[in-house]
Amino acid sequence: MASGDVTAGRLRPGGPASRAREPLTAAQRAAGKVPQRITVFFWIIKILTTAQGEATSDYLDHRIDPPIAAAVAGLAFVVALTLQFRARTYVAWIYWLAADMVAVFGTMCADGLHVELGIPYTVSTTFYAVVLAVILVLWYRTEKTLSIHSIYTRRREAFYWATILATFALGTALGDLTATTLHLGYLASGIMFTLLFAIPGLAHWRLRLNSVVAFWIAYVLTRPLGASYADWMGVPHSVGGLDLGRAHVAIILTIPIVLLVGYLAVSRADVEEPAAPVRQGHGRHRSG
C-alpha cells in the first residue's frame, strides 16, 4: 500500500492498461492534487480524520437540529472542496481539510438514512457499497486506472473525491451495522476492523496483491475502524463506551491531526520531489 509499486503513478508491469503504467512527466507530477507518497503518516491521519469526523458529526447532530447540522456540514464540505479544486498543486492542509469535511458530511449522509428515514443499516450499507462500486467502475472505464498517483486532471480529481465521499458513507454504515445491528459493540468492532485493515497490506507484501486494489480496500476499512473507536470513546458507559463526550473526543483527535498535517506541510514527506539532473563530466580522469 505504500508507494513502492505505484511509484510515479504506475501499476505493476502486466497491468490492464498501458496508460496507467506510463511514468508521470514532471508536469503531471507537479499537477497532482493528492499525496504522492503514501507513507505511514497518510494512514495515521486518515484514521484520525475518520474518527474525528464521526465524533464531530455526532456532536452536531445532538446539539443542533439534524437538518441544520447537515446544512452546516454540507456548506463546510463545499467550501473545503472548492479550496481543493482551486489549488494548483497538492497542499497538505487543504487536502486534509477537505478529507476531514468529507468525514463529517459523509457520516451525516450515512446516519441520515438510518436516523431520519428509518432505513436499516443492512440496507444503507448495501446501498453505499453499490454506489461506491458504480463510481469505481465509471472511473476505471473512463480513465483506465484507479491509482491515486495519476490524479493530475480535473476529471480524475472529481472521480477521486466522489469515491472518497462514498467510502466514508459506506464505512460509517458498515461500522454502525457491526456495532449495533450485529451487537458486537464499538470496541469489538474497532478491534475487528483493525485486524481487517492489516490484511490488504500483508496481502500486498506477501502475496503480491495489486497495490491499487490493496490501497482502496484499506481505505474503505479506515472509516469503520476510526469511527468505531471514536464512538467507543464518546458514548456512555451504559452502551460500553468511555463516556468522554463527543465534543471532547473531537477536540482530542483534532490536536494530533493538526500537528501531523503541519509536519507534512513543512517536511513534504508525502511529496515526490523531482530527481536532480545528473551532471555530466564529473568524476572522469584527465589524461596525462
C-alpha atoms as a PDB file:
ATOM      1  CA  MET A   1       0.000   0.000   0.000  1.00  0.00           C
ATOM      2  CA  ALA A   2       2.992   2.254   0.236  1.00  0.00           C
ATOM      3  CA  SER A   3       4.187   3.954  -2.852  1.00  0.00           C
ATOM      4  CA  GLY A   4       6.631   1.218  -3.810  1.00  0.00           C
ATOM      5  CA  ASP A   5       4.615  -0.486  -6.561  1.00  0.00           C
ATOM      6  CA  VAL A   6       2.900   2.612  -7.814  1.00  0.00           C
ATOM      7  CA  THR A   7       5.878   4.938  -7.806  1.00  0.00           C
ATOM      8  CA  ALA A   8       5.476   7.653 -10.417  1.00  0.00           C
ATOM      9  CA  GLY A   9       1.858   6.699 -10.917  1.00  0.00           C
ATOM     10  CA  ARG A  10       2.343   3.253 -12.444  1.00  0.00           C
ATOM     11  CA  LEU A  11       0.592  -0.012 -11.927  1.00  0.00           C
ATOM     12  CA  ARG A  12       2.779  -3.052 -11.710  1.00  0.00           C
ATOM     13  CA  PRO A  13       4.031  -4.420 -15.073  1.00  0.00           C
ATOM     14  CA  GLY A  14       1.382  -6.563 -16.692  1.00  0.00           C
ATOM     15  CA  GLY A  15      -1.424  -4.277 -15.575  1.00  0.00           C
ATOM     16  CA  PRO A  16      -4.587  -3.787 -17.625  1.00  0.00           C
ATOM     17  CA  ALA A  17      -3.772  -0.552 -19.383  1.00  0.00           C
ATOM     18  CA  SER A  18      -0.603   0.934 -20.795  1.00  0.00           C
ATOM     19  CA  ARG A  19      -1.810   4.437 -19.960  1.00  0.00           C
ATOM     20  CA  ALA A  20      -1.798   3.507 -16.253  1.00  0.00           C
ATOM     21  CA  ARG A  21       1.722   2.089 -16.499  1.00  0.00           C
ATOM     22  CA  GLU A  22       3.400   5.071 -18.086  1.00  0.00           C
ATOM     23  CA  PRO A  23       5.594   7.102 -15.739  1.00  0.00           C
ATOM     24  CA  LEU A  24       4.350  10.579 -14.989  1.00  0.00           C
ATOM     25  CA  THR A  25       6.072  13.535 -16.546  1.00  0.00           C
ATOM     26  CA  ALA A  26       7.383  16.328 -14.354  1.00  0.00           C
ATOM     27  CA  ALA A  27       4.418  18.491 -15.373  1.00  0.00           C
ATOM     28  CA  GLN A  28       1.906  15.770 -14.488  1.00  0.00           C
ATOM     29  CA  ARG A  29       3.575  15.155 -11.138  1.00  0.00           C
ATOM     30  CA  ALA A  30       3.520  18.874 -10.374  1.00  0.00           C
ATOM     31  CA  ALA A  31      -0.211  18.983 -11.213  1.00  0.00           C
ATOM     32  CA  GLY A  32      -1.003  16.186  -8.740  1.00  0.00           C
ATOM     33  CA  LYS A  33      -3.535  17.254  -6.137  1.00  0.00           C
ATOM     34  CA  VAL A  34      -3.235  14.353  -3.657  1.00  0.00           C
ATOM     35  CA  PRO A  35      -0.337  12.965  -1.594  1.00  0.00           C
ATOM     36  CA  GLN A  36       2.200  11.440  -3.961  1.00  0.00           C
ATOM     37  CA  ARG A  37       3.858   9.195  -1.383  1.00  0.00           C
ATOM     38  CA  ILE A  38       1.568   7.019   0.719  1.00  0.00           C
ATOM     39  CA  THR A  39       3.503   6.850   3.969  1.00  0.00           C
ATOM     40  CA  VAL A  40       2.564   5.777   7.477  1.00  0.00           C
ATOM     41  CA  PHE A  41       1.641   9.405   8.164  1.00  0.00           C
ATOM     42  CA  PHE A  42      -1.070   9.175   5.493  1.00  0.00           C
ATOM     43  CA  TRP A  43      -2.737   6.215   7.191  1.00  0.00           C
ATOM     44  CA  ILE A  44      -2.450   7.693  10.693  1.00  0.00           C
ATOM     45  CA  ILE A  45      -4.009  10.991   9.630  1.00  0.00           C
ATOM     46  CA  LYS A  46      -6.660   9.172   7.608  1.00  0.00           C
ATOM     47  CA  ILE A  47      -7.766   7.105  10.597  1.00  0.00           C
ATOM     48  CA  LEU A  48      -7.679  10.138  12.893  1.00  0.00           C
ATOM     49  CA  THR A  49      -9.823  12.195  10.499  1.00  0.00           C
ATOM     50  CA  THR A  50     -12.378   9.395  10.205  1.00  0.00           C
ATOM     51  CA  ALA A  51     -12.627   9.210  13.982  1.00  0.00           C
ATOM     52  CA  GLN A  52     -12.728  12.986  14.369  1.00  0.00           C
ATOM     53  CA  GLY A  53     -15.376  13.264  11.657  1.00  0.00           C
ATOM     54  CA  GLU A  54     -17.543  10.694  13.418  1.00  0.00           C
ATOM     55  CA  ALA A  55     -17.288  12.489  16.759  1.00  0.00           C
ATOM     56  CA  THR A  56     -17.898  15.914  15.224  1.00  0.00           C
ATOM     57  CA  SER A  57     -20.883  14.716  13.224  1.00  0.00           C
ATOM     58  CA  ASP A  58     -22.479  13.058  16.245  1.00  0.00           C
ATOM     59  CA  TYR A  59     -21.897  16.137  18.387  1.00  0.00           C
ATOM     60  CA  LEU A  60     -23.520  18.438  15.837  1.00  0.00           C
ATOM     61  CA  ASP A  61     -26.482  16.090  15.387  1.00  0.00           C
ATOM     62  CA  HIS A  62     -27.105  16.024  19.141  1.00  0.00           C
ATOM     63  CA  ARG A  63     -26.600  19.763  19.670  1.00  0.00           C
ATOM     64  CA  ILE A  64     -28.283  21.152  16.559  1.00  0.00           C
ATOM     65  CA  ASP A  65     -31.401  20.182  14.669  1.00  0.00           C
ATOM     66  CA  PRO A  66     -30.165  17.458  12.253  1.00  0.00           C
ATOM     67  CA  PRO A  67     -31.275  19.199   9.020  1.00  0.00           C
ATOM     68  CA  ILE A  68     -29.497  22.384  10.130  1.00  0.00           C
ATOM     69  CA  ALA A  69     -26.423  20.391  11.153  1.00  0.00           C
ATOM     70  CA  ALA A  70     -26.395  18.681   7.756  1.00  0.00           C
ATOM     71  CA  ALA A  71     -26.680  22.061   6.006  1.00  0.00           C
ATOM     72  CA  VAL A  72     -23.768  23.473   8.029  1.00  0.00           C
ATOM     73  CA  ALA A  73     -21.641  20.383   7.358  1.00  0.00           C
ATOM     74  CA  GLY A  74     -22.614  20.447   3.682  1.00  0.00           C
ATOM     75  CA  LEU A  75     -21.557  24.083   3.369  1.00  0.00           C
ATOM     76  CA  ALA A  76     -18.206  23.370   5.049  1.00  0.00           C
ATOM     77  CA  PHE A  77     -17.793  20.389   2.725  1.00  0.00           C
ATOM     78  CA  VAL A  78     -18.412  22.538  -0.369  1.00  0.00           C
ATOM     79  CA  VAL A  79     -16.017  25.266   0.826  1.00  0.00           C
ATOM     80  CA  ALA A  80     -13.257  22.748   1.557  1.00  0.00           C
ATOM     81  CA  LEU A  81     -13.659  21.011  -1.815  1.00  0.00           C
ATOM     82  CA  THR A  82     -13.697  24.369  -3.582  1.00  0.00           C
ATOM     83  CA  LEU A  83     -10.350  25.193  -1.997  1.00  0.00           C
ATOM     84  CA  GLN A  84      -9.039  21.791  -3.028  1.00  0.00           C
ATOM     85  CA  PHE A  85     -10.170  22.099  -6.644  1.00  0.00           C
ATOM     86  CA  ARG A  86      -8.894  25.660  -6.962  1.00  0.00           C
ATOM     87  CA  ALA A  87      -5.449  24.773  -5.634  1.00  0.00           C
ATOM     88  CA  ARG A  88      -2.902  24.456  -8.437  1.00  0.00           C
ATOM     89  CA  THR A  89      -0.973  21.654  -6.769  1.00  0.00           C
ATOM     90  CA  TYR A  90      -1.029  19.475  -3.661  1.00  0.00           C
ATOM     91  CA  VAL A  91      -1.215  21.494  -0.444  1.00  0.00           C
ATOM     92  CA  ALA A  92      -1.230  19.351   2.700  1.00  0.00           C
ATOM     93  CA  TRP A  93      -3.573  21.449   4.854  1.00  0.00           C
ATOM     94  CA  ILE A  94      -6.082  21.997   2.040  1.00  0.00           C
ATOM     95  CA  TYR A  95      -6.153  18.311   1.116  1.00  0.00           C
ATOM     96  CA  TRP A  96      -6.635  17.132   4.701  1.00  0.00           C
ATOM     97  CA  LEU A  97      -9.202  19.846   5.433  1.00  0.00           C
ATOM     98  CA  ALA A  98     -11.218  18.508   2.501  1.00  0.00           C
ATOM     99  CA  ALA A  99     -10.786  14.931   3.748  1.00  0.00           C
ATOM    100  CA  ASP A 100     -11.934  15.949   7.228  1.00  0.00           C
ATOM    101  CA  MET A 101     -15.013  17.751   5.905  1.00  0.00           C
ATOM    102  CA  VAL A 102     -15.824  14.689   3.815  1.00  0.00           C
ATOM    103  CA  ALA A 103     -15.605  12.669   7.030  1.00  0.00           C
ATOM    104  CA  VAL A 104     -18.119  14.915   8.797  1.00  0.00           C
ATOM    105  CA  PHE A 105     -20.532  15.243   5.882  1.00  0.00           C
ATOM    106  CA  GLY A 106     -20.190  11.604   4.784  1.00  0.00           C
ATOM    107  CA  THR A 107     -21.062  10.499   8.307  1.00  0.00           C
ATOM    108  CA  MET A 108     -24.182  12.645   8.277  1.00  0.00           C
ATOM    109  CA  CYS A 109     -25.229  11.236   4.903  1.00  0.00           C
ATOM    110  CA  ALA A 110     -24.998   7.674   6.224  1.00  0.00           C
ATOM    111  CA  ASP A 111     -26.594   8.464   9.581  1.00  0.00           C
ATOM    112  CA  GLY A 112     -29.393  10.404   7.911  1.00  0.00           C
ATOM    113  CA  LEU A 113     -30.685   7.348   6.066  1.00  0.00           C
ATOM    114  CA  HIS A 114     -30.989   5.436   9.337  1.00  0.00           C
ATOM    115  CA  VAL A 115     -31.912   8.100  11.896  1.00  0.00           C
ATOM    116  CA  GLU A 116     -34.130  10.360   9.794  1.00  0.00           C
ATOM    117  CA  LEU A 117     -35.605   7.854   7.322  1.00  0.00           C
ATOM    118  CA  GLY A 118     -35.502   4.711   9.447  1.00  0.00           C
ATOM    119  CA  ILE A 119     -33.604   2.694   6.837  1.00  0.00           C
ATOM    120  CA  PRO A 120     -31.838  -0.332   8.404  1.00  0.00           C
ATOM    121  CA  TYR A 121     -28.046  -0.340   8.419  1.00  0.00           C
ATOM    122  CA  THR A 122     -28.064  -3.513   6.310  1.00  0.00           C
ATOM    123  CA  VAL A 123     -29.879  -1.633   3.552  1.00  0.00           C
ATOM    124  CA  SER A 124     -27.813   1.566   3.801  1.00  0.00           C
ATOM    125  CA  THR A 125     -24.569  -0.419   3.846  1.00  0.00           C
ATOM    126  CA  THR A 126     -25.620  -2.293   0.724  1.00  0.00           C
ATOM    127  CA  PHE A 127     -26.755   0.927  -0.945  1.00  0.00           C
ATOM    128  CA  TYR A 128     -23.472   2.748  -0.340  1.00  0.00           C
ATOM    129  CA  ALA A 129     -21.492  -0.333  -1.408  1.00  0.00           C
ATOM    130  CA  VAL A 130     -23.333  -0.266  -4.741  1.00  0.00           C
ATOM    131  CA  VAL A 131     -22.745   3.490  -5.065  1.00  0.00           C
ATOM    132  CA  LEU A 132     -19.027   3.003  -4.442  1.00  0.00           C
ATOM    133  CA  ALA A 133     -18.834   0.147  -6.933  1.00  0.00           C
ATOM    134  CA  VAL A 134     -20.579   2.212  -9.613  1.00  0.00           C
ATOM    135  CA  ILE A 135     -18.217   5.159  -9.099  1.00  0.00           C
ATOM    136  CA  LEU A 136     -15.140   2.921  -9.282  1.00  0.00           C
ATOM    137  CA  VAL A 137     -16.408   1.196 -12.437  1.00  0.00           C
ATOM    138  CA  LEU A 138     -17.151   4.523 -14.129  1.00  0.00           C
ATOM    139  CA  TRP A 139     -13.769   5.881 -13.047  1.00  0.00           C
ATOM    140  CA  TYR A 140     -11.916   2.873 -14.416  1.00  0.00           C
ATOM    141  CA  ARG A 141     -13.905   2.689 -17.648  1.00  0.00           C
ATOM    142  CA  THR A 142     -13.215   6.383 -18.240  1.00  0.00           C
ATOM    143  CA  GLU A 143      -9.574   6.670 -17.148  1.00  0.00           C
ATOM    144  CA  LYS A 144      -8.276   3.062 -17.316  1.00  0.00           C
ATOM    145  CA  THR A 145      -6.671   3.464 -13.883  1.00  0.00           C
ATOM    146  CA  LEU A 146      -7.714   3.850 -10.258  1.00  0.00           C
ATOM    147  CA  SER A 147      -4.269   4.772  -8.989  1.00  0.00           C
ATOM    148  CA  ILE A 148      -4.225   7.892  -6.831  1.00  0.00           C
ATOM    149  CA  HIS A 149      -0.764   8.578  -8.241  1.00  0.00           C
ATOM    150  CA  SER A 150      -2.419   9.545 -11.507  1.00  0.00           C
ATOM    151  CA  ILE A 151      -4.690  12.309 -10.149  1.00  0.00           C
ATOM    152  CA  TYR A 152      -3.408  15.145 -12.324  1.00  0.00           C
ATOM    153  CA  THR A 153      -6.564  16.108 -14.274  1.00  0.00           C
ATOM    154  CA  ARG A 154      -9.767  17.754 -13.094  1.00  0.00           C
ATOM    155  CA  ARG A 155     -11.905  14.780 -14.148  1.00  0.00           C
ATOM    156  CA  ARG A 156      -9.761  12.295 -12.244  1.00  0.00           C
ATOM    157  CA  GLU A 157      -9.848  14.568  -9.227  1.00  0.00           C
ATOM    158  CA  ALA A 158     -13.662  14.634  -9.399  1.00  0.00           C
ATOM    159  CA  PHE A 159     -13.773  10.828  -9.557  1.00  0.00           C
ATOM    160  CA  TYR A 160     -11.347  10.658  -6.639  1.00  0.00           C
ATOM    161  CA  TRP A 161     -13.406  12.845  -4.299  1.00  0.00           C
ATOM    162  CA  ALA A 162     -16.666  11.164  -5.297  1.00  0.00           C
ATOM    163  CA  THR A 163     -15.017   7.868  -4.358  1.00  0.00           C
ATOM    164  CA  ILE A 164     -13.788   9.287  -1.054  1.00  0.00           C
ATOM    165  CA  LEU A 165     -17.276  10.518  -0.129  1.00  0.00           C
ATOM    166  CA  ALA A 166     -18.762   7.120  -0.969  1.00  0.00           C
ATOM    167  CA  THR A 167     -16.140   5.288   1.117  1.00  0.00           C
ATOM    168  CA  PHE A 168     -16.930   7.469   4.127  1.00  0.00           C
ATOM    169  CA  ALA A 169     -20.669   6.901   3.842  1.00  0.00           C
ATOM    170  CA  LEU A 170     -20.168   3.154   3.331  1.00  0.00           C
ATOM    171  CA  GLY A 171     -17.692   2.858   6.197  1.00  0.00           C
ATOM    172  CA  THR A 172     -19.976   4.735   8.575  1.00  0.00           C
ATOM    173  CA  ALA A 173     -22.947   2.494   7.799  1.00  0.00           C
ATOM    174  CA  LEU A 174     -20.769  -0.632   7.993  1.00  0.00           C
ATOM    175  CA  GLY A 175     -19.345   0.349  11.392  1.00  0.00           C
ATOM    176  CA  ASP A 176     -22.795   1.021  12.816  1.00  0.00           C
ATOM    177  CA  LEU A 177     -24.013  -2.257  11.334  1.00  0.00           C
ATOM    178  CA  THR A 178     -21.403  -4.334  13.165  1.00  0.00           C
ATOM    179  CA  ALA A 179     -21.590  -2.359  16.424  1.00  0.00           C
ATOM    180  CA  THR A 180     -25.374  -2.135  16.790  1.00  0.00           C
ATOM    181  CA  THR A 181     -27.253  -4.418  14.405  1.00  0.00           C
ATOM    182  CA  LEU A 182     -24.815  -7.294  14.887  1.00  0.00           C
ATOM    183  CA  HIS A 183     -24.349  -6.355  18.578  1.00  0.00           C
ATOM    184  CA  LEU A 184     -20.556  -6.515  18.537  1.00  0.00           C
ATOM    185  CA  GLY A 185     -20.229  -3.208  20.359  1.00  0.00           C
ATOM    186  CA  TYR A 186     -17.961  -0.322  19.410  1.00  0.00           C
ATOM    187  CA  LEU A 187     -14.710  -1.582  20.926  1.00  0.00           C
ATOM    188  CA  ALA A 188     -15.042  -5.088  19.466  1.00  0.00           C
ATOM    189  CA  SER A 189     -15.906  -3.552  16.087  1.00  0.00           C
ATOM    190  CA  GLY A 190     -12.831  -1.331  16.275  1.00  0.00           C
ATOM    191  CA  ILE A 191     -10.572  -4.282  17.036  1.00  0.00           C
ATOM    192  CA  MET A 192     -12.137  -6.338  14.242  1.00  0.00           C
ATOM    193  CA  PHE A 193     -11.665  -3.570  11.672  1.00  0.00           C
ATOM    194  CA  THR A 194      -8.081  -3.033  12.860  1.00  0.00           C
ATOM    195  CA  LEU A 195      -7.321  -6.654  12.035  1.00  0.00           C
ATOM    196  CA  LEU A 196      -9.140  -6.420   8.707  1.00  0.00           C
ATOM    197  CA  PHE A 197      -7.251  -3.222   7.871  1.00  0.00           C
ATOM    198  CA  ALA A 198      -3.934  -5.074   8.187  1.00  0.00           C
ATOM    199  CA  ILE A 199      -4.919  -7.786   5.704  1.00  0.00           C
ATOM    200  CA  PRO A 200      -4.576  -5.804   2.420  1.00  0.00           C
ATOM    201  CA  GLY A 201      -1.117  -4.589   3.417  1.00  0.00           C
ATOM    202  CA  LEU A 202       0.013  -8.086   4.302  1.00  0.00           C
ATOM    203  CA  ALA A 203      -1.515  -9.486   1.112  1.00  0.00           C
ATOM    204  CA  HIS A 204       0.307  -6.850  -0.922  1.00  0.00           C
ATOM    205  CA  TRP A 205       3.582  -7.562   0.858  1.00  0.00           C
ATOM    206  CA  ARG A 206       3.480 -11.352   0.971  1.00  0.00           C
ATOM    207  CA  LEU A 207       1.039 -12.358  -1.792  1.00  0.00           C
ATOM    208  CA  ARG A 208       1.750  -9.572  -4.286  1.00  0.00           C
ATOM    209  CA  LEU A 209      -1.814  -8.261  -4.237  1.00  0.00           C
ATOM    210  CA  ASN A 210      -2.049  -5.347  -6.670  1.00  0.00           C
ATOM    211  CA  SER A 211      -1.135  -2.160  -4.831  1.00  0.00           C
ATOM    212  CA  VAL A 212      -4.116  -0.185  -6.154  1.00  0.00           C
ATOM    213  CA  VAL A 213      -6.558  -2.881  -5.025  1.00  0.00           C
ATOM    214  CA  ALA A 214      -4.853  -3.102  -1.632  1.00  0.00           C
ATOM    215  CA  PHE A 215      -4.981   0.675  -1.228  1.00  0.00           C
ATOM    216  CA  TRP A 216      -8.707   1.013  -1.842  1.00  0.00           C
ATOM    217  CA  ILE A 217      -9.644  -1.953   0.355  1.00  0.00           C
ATOM    218  CA  ALA A 218      -7.598  -0.493   3.196  1.00  0.00           C
ATOM    219  CA  TYR A 219      -9.012   2.984   2.539  1.00  0.00           C
ATOM    220  CA  VAL A 220     -12.610   1.765   2.910  1.00  0.00           C
ATOM    221  CA  LEU A 221     -11.751  -0.064   6.134  1.00  0.00           C
ATOM    222  CA  THR A 222     -10.196   3.006   7.777  1.00  0.00           C
ATOM    223  CA  ARG A 223     -13.655   4.544   8.057  1.00  0.00           C
ATOM    224  CA  PRO A 224     -15.368   1.937  10.263  1.00  0.00           C
ATOM    225  CA  LEU A 225     -12.061   1.456  12.096  1.00  0.00           C
ATOM    226  CA  GLY A 226     -11.736   5.090  13.154  1.00  0.00           C
ATOM    227  CA  ALA A 227     -15.468   5.635  13.664  1.00  0.00           C
ATOM    228  CA  SER A 228     -15.799   2.584  15.926  1.00  0.00           C
ATOM    229  CA  TYR A 229     -13.038   3.796  18.246  1.00  0.00           C
ATOM    230  CA  ALA A 230     -14.443   7.345  18.246  1.00  0.00           C
ATOM    231  CA  ASP A 231     -17.883   6.050  19.229  1.00  0.00           C
ATOM    232  CA  TRP A 232     -16.359   3.841  21.918  1.00  0.00           C
ATOM    233  CA  MET A 233     -14.539   6.827  23.393  1.00  0.00           C
ATOM    234  CA  GLY A 234     -17.574   9.113  23.275  1.00  0.00           C
ATOM    235  CA  VAL A 235     -20.661   7.067  24.116  1.00  0.00           C
ATOM    236  CA  PRO A 236     -21.868   6.495  27.714  1.00  0.00           C
ATOM    237  CA  HIS A 237     -20.781   3.602  29.923  1.00  0.00           C
ATOM    238  CA  SER A 238     -24.273   2.130  29.588  1.00  0.00           C
ATOM    239  CA  VAL A 239     -23.566   1.193  25.983  1.00  0.00           C
ATOM    240  CA  GLY A 240     -19.982   0.109  26.564  1.00  0.00           C
ATOM    241  CA  GLY A 241     -18.168   3.393  25.967  1.00  0.00           C
ATOM    242  CA  LEU A 242     -15.677   5.520  27.882  1.00  0.00           C
ATOM    243  CA  ASP A 243     -18.174   8.405  28.161  1.00  0.00           C
ATOM    244  CA  LEU A 244     -15.602  11.089  27.301  1.00  0.00           C
ATOM    245  CA  GLY A 245     -18.216  13.042  25.401  1.00  0.00           C
ATOM    246  CA  ARG A 246     -18.304  13.561  21.651  1.00  0.00           C
ATOM    247  CA  ALA A 247     -17.046  17.154  21.825  1.00  0.00           C
ATOM    248  CA  HIS A 248     -14.043  16.148  23.922  1.00  0.00           C
ATOM    249  CA  VAL A 249     -13.244  13.262  21.587  1.00  0.00           C
ATOM    250  CA  ALA A 250     -13.395  15.584  18.563  1.00  0.00           C
ATOM    251  CA  ILE A 251     -11.022  18.053  20.228  1.00  0.00           C
ATOM    252  CA  ILE A 252      -8.643  15.334  21.408  1.00  0.00           C
ATOM    253  CA  LEU A 253      -8.395  13.913  17.890  1.00  0.00           C
ATOM    254  CA  THR A 254      -8.022  17.298  16.207  1.00  0.00           C
ATOM    255  CA  ILE A 255      -4.767  18.074  18.019  1.00  0.00           C
ATOM    256  CA  PRO A 256      -2.642  15.241  16.517  1.00  0.00           C
ATOM    257  CA  ILE A 257      -4.252  15.845  13.105  1.00  0.00           C
ATOM    258  CA  VAL A 258      -3.105  19.477  13.126  1.00  0.00           C
ATOM    259  CA  LEU A 259       0.384  18.525  14.326  1.00  0.00           C
ATOM    260  CA  LEU A 260       0.855  15.774  11.745  1.00  0.00           C
ATOM    261  CA  VAL A 261      -0.504  17.830   8.846  1.00  0.00           C
ATOM    262  CA  GLY A 262       1.773  20.675   9.931  1.00  0.00           C
ATOM    263  CA  TYR A 263       4.699  18.267   9.877  1.00  0.00           C
ATOM    264  CA  LEU A 264       3.832  17.127   6.342  1.00  0.00           C
ATOM    265  CA  ALA A 265       3.448  20.726   5.173  1.00  0.00           C
ATOM    266  CA  VAL A 266       6.945  21.549   6.414  1.00  0.00           C
ATOM    267  CA  SER A 267       8.788  18.294   5.685  1.00  0.00           C
ATOM    268  CA  ARG A 268       6.971  17.469   2.417  1.00  0.00           C
ATOM    269  CA  ALA A 269       7.452  13.827   3.333  1.00  0.00           C
ATOM    270  CA  ASP A 270       4.432  12.898   1.211  1.00  0.00           C
ATOM    271  CA  VAL A 271       5.623  14.747  -1.896  1.00  0.00           C
ATOM    272  CA  GLU A 272       7.731  13.066  -4.543  1.00  0.00           C
ATOM    273  CA  GLU A 273      10.374  15.599  -5.419  1.00  0.00           C
ATOM    274  CA  PRO A 274      11.712  15.541  -8.994  1.00  0.00           C
ATOM    275  CA  ALA A 275      15.068  13.836  -9.336  1.00  0.00           C
ATOM    276  CA  ALA A 276      18.031  16.146  -9.676  1.00  0.00           C
ATOM    277  CA  PRO A 277      19.522  16.114 -13.169  1.00  0.00           C
ATOM    278  CA  VAL A 278      22.722  14.143 -13.499  1.00  0.00           C
ATOM    279  CA  ARG A 279      25.586  16.434 -14.324  1.00  0.00           C
ATOM    280  CA  GLN A 280      27.936  15.144 -16.991  1.00  0.00           C
ATOM    281  CA  GLY A 281      31.679  15.187 -16.876  1.00  0.00           C
ATOM    282  CA  HIS A 282      32.246  14.761 -13.135  1.00  0.00           C
ATOM    283  CA  GLY A 283      34.495  12.066 -11.839  1.00  0.00           C
ATOM    284  CA  ARG A 284      36.332  11.449 -15.123  1.00  0.00           C
ATOM    285  CA  HIS A 285      40.117  11.119 -15.057  1.00  0.00           C
ATOM    286  CA  ARG A 286      42.043  13.563 -17.068  1.00  0.00           C
ATOM    287  CA  SER A 287      44.633  12.004 -19.343  1.00  0.00           C
ATOM    288  CA  GLY A 288      48.259  12.692 -18.874  1.00  0.00           C
END
